């Protein structure tokens, strides 16, 4: 019985050592990793590089007559405007996502060390009534 009690006590100390050591370090690194993951998922670099590219590579071929050339130019211009606006709004969504990820990670970093004392408080409050 004494061995089990000593083992459980050691496990509690190991949990606290991990919580305030390695665990907290991982949470702090999450402040950088979470926004970077959002940026990677939205492919912000690619979106910025192709901001003025035609949408879905829809490019009209120019014909021989002036009417066909003007029509192709308008089609290509409209395709580029559509591509710009779609990419622009996706970039705005990415910026919002990066901001939310950063704020959430920062809040988690602040709350992280308060969780174990809060659990102890809740258990004591439950016992006392």
Protein backbone atom coordinates (compact mmCIF):
# COMPACT_ATOMS: atom_id res chain seq x y z
CA UNK A 1 0.00 0.00 0.00
CA UNK A 2 2.84 2.38 0.86
CA UNK A 3 4.58 1.74 -2.48
CA UNK A 4 1.42 2.60 -4.41
CA UNK A 5 0.92 5.81 -2.42
CA UNK A 6 4.55 6.84 -2.98
CA UNK A 7 4.24 6.07 -6.73
CA UNK A 8 1.04 8.14 -7.03
CA UNK A 9 2.68 11.04 -5.17
CA UNK A 10 5.64 10.90 -7.55
CA UNK A 11 3.28 10.90 -10.52
CA UNK A 12 1.55 14.04 -9.23
CA UNK A 13 4.91 15.79 -8.85
CA UNK A 14 5.93 14.64 -12.35
CA UNK A 15 2.66 16.01 -13.73
CA UNK A 16 3.31 19.40 -12.14
CA UNK A 17 6.92 19.34 -13.34
CA UNK A 18 5.73 18.65 -16.90
CA UNK A 19 2.85 21.16 -16.65
CA UNK A 20 5.03 24.06 -15.58
CA UNK A 21 8.07 22.95 -17.60
CA UNK A 22 7.83 21.14 -20.93
CA UNK A 23 4.07 21.59 -21.31
CA UNK A 24 4.24 25.32 -20.82
CA UNK A 25 7.17 25.59 -23.24
CA UNK A 26 5.12 23.79 -25.90
CA UNK A 27 2.21 26.16 -25.31
CA UNK A 28 4.51 29.18 -25.63
CA UNK A 29 5.91 27.82 -28.90
CA UNK A 30 2.30 27.50 -30.05
CA UNK A 31 2.07 31.30 -30.17
CA UNK A 32 4.28 31.13 -33.26
CA UNK A 33 3.23 27.71 -34.60
CA UNK A 34 -0.54 28.25 -34.65
CA UNK A 35 -0.52 31.40 -36.84
CA UNK A 36 2.14 29.81 -39.06
CA UNK A 37 -0.08 26.76 -39.54
CA UNK A 38 -3.02 28.98 -40.53
CA UNK A 39 -0.77 30.87 -42.95
CA UNK A 40 0.40 27.61 -44.47
CA UNK A 41 -3.13 26.24 -44.81
CA UNK A 42 -4.28 29.37 -46.61
CA UNK A 43 -1.11 29.42 -48.77
CA UNK A 44 -0.70 33.15 -48.24
CA UNK A 45 2.60 33.29 -50.14
CA UNK A 46 1.06 31.70 -53.22
CA UNK A 47 -2.01 33.94 -53.00
CA UNK A 48 0.16 37.05 -52.83
CA UNK A 49 2.29 35.85 -55.73
CA UNK A 50 -0.72 35.19 -57.96
CA UNK A 51 -2.91 38.09 -56.79
CA UNK A 52 -3.33 39.53 -60.29
CA UNK A 53 -3.31 36.22 -62.17
CA UNK A 54 -6.41 35.19 -64.11
CA UNK A 55 -9.01 33.17 -62.23
CA UNK A 56 -8.72 29.42 -62.87
CA UNK A 57 -6.28 30.11 -65.73
CA UNK A 58 -9.22 31.12 -67.92
CA UNK A 59 -7.52 33.08 -70.67
CA UNK A 60 -9.19 33.70 -74.01
CA UNK A 61 -7.08 33.29 -77.13
CA UNK A 62 -6.92 36.29 -79.40
CA UNK A 63 -8.38 35.96 -82.86
CA UNK A 64 -7.47 37.73 -86.08
CA UNK A 65 -10.14 40.41 -86.17
CA UNK A 66 -10.20 43.50 -83.96
CA UNK A 67 -13.55 42.41 -82.51
CA UNK A 68 -12.09 39.06 -81.40
CA UNK A 69 -9.02 40.77 -79.91
CA UNK A 70 -11.17 43.20 -77.91
CA UNK A 71 -13.41 40.35 -76.75
CA UNK A 72 -10.37 38.32 -75.64
CA UNK A 73 -8.93 41.34 -73.85
CA UNK A 74 -12.21 41.93 -71.97
CA UNK A 75 -12.50 38.25 -71.08
CA UNK A 76 -8.94 38.21 -69.74
CA UNK A 77 -9.49 41.47 -67.83
CA UNK A 78 -12.68 40.16 -66.22
CA UNK A 79 -10.92 36.90 -65.35
CA UNK A 80 -8.12 38.86 -63.67
CA UNK A 81 -10.62 41.00 -61.70
CA UNK A 82 -12.45 37.89 -60.51
CA UNK A 83 -9.13 36.30 -59.56
CA UNK A 84 -8.04 39.42 -57.70
CA UNK A 85 -11.25 39.73 -55.68
CA UNK A 86 -11.44 36.05 -54.78
CA UNK A 87 -7.80 35.98 -53.70
CA UNK A 88 -8.18 39.31 -51.88
CA UNK A 89 -11.09 38.04 -49.77
CA UNK A 90 -9.27 34.79 -49.06
CA UNK A 91 -6.29 36.85 -47.87
CA UNK A 92 -8.61 38.81 -45.57
CA UNK A 93 -9.97 35.52 -44.19
CA UNK A 94 -6.38 34.32 -43.70
CA UNK A 95 -5.48 37.50 -41.83
CA UNK A 96 -8.48 37.06 -39.54
CA UNK A 97 -7.58 33.39 -39.01
CA UNK A 98 -3.96 34.25 -38.19
CA UNK A 99 -5.11 36.91 -35.73
CA UNK A 100 -7.56 34.53 -34.03
CA UNK A 101 -4.88 31.82 -33.82
CA UNK A 102 -2.40 34.27 -32.28
CA UNK A 103 -4.89 35.64 -29.74
CA UNK A 104 -6.08 32.13 -28.83
CA UNK A 105 -2.51 30.91 -28.35
CA UNK A 106 -1.63 33.94 -26.25
CA UNK A 107 -4.71 33.46 -24.07
CA UNK A 108 -3.90 29.77 -23.63
CA UNK A 109 -0.38 30.70 -22.56
CA UNK A 110 -1.76 33.03 -19.89
CA UNK A 111 -4.39 30.54 -18.66
CA UNK A 112 -2.10 27.47 -18.73
CA UNK A 113 -0.37 28.01 -15.35
CA UNK A 114 -3.70 28.80 -13.65
CA UNK A 115 -5.40 25.49 -14.49
CA UNK A 116 -3.87 23.22 -11.77
CA UNK A 117 -4.55 25.67 -8.92
CA UNK A 118 -8.07 26.15 -10.24
CA UNK A 119 -8.62 22.37 -10.23
CA UNK A 120 -7.35 22.17 -6.63
CA UNK A 121 -9.65 25.08 -5.71
CA UNK A 122 -12.65 23.38 -7.32
CA UNK A 123 -11.95 20.08 -5.51
CA UNK A 124 -11.53 21.87 -2.16
CA UNK A 125 -14.67 23.90 -2.80
CA UNK A 126 -16.57 20.71 -3.62
CA UNK A 127 -15.41 19.01 -0.42
CA UNK A 128 -16.10 22.01 1.81
CA UNK A 129 -19.40 22.83 0.16
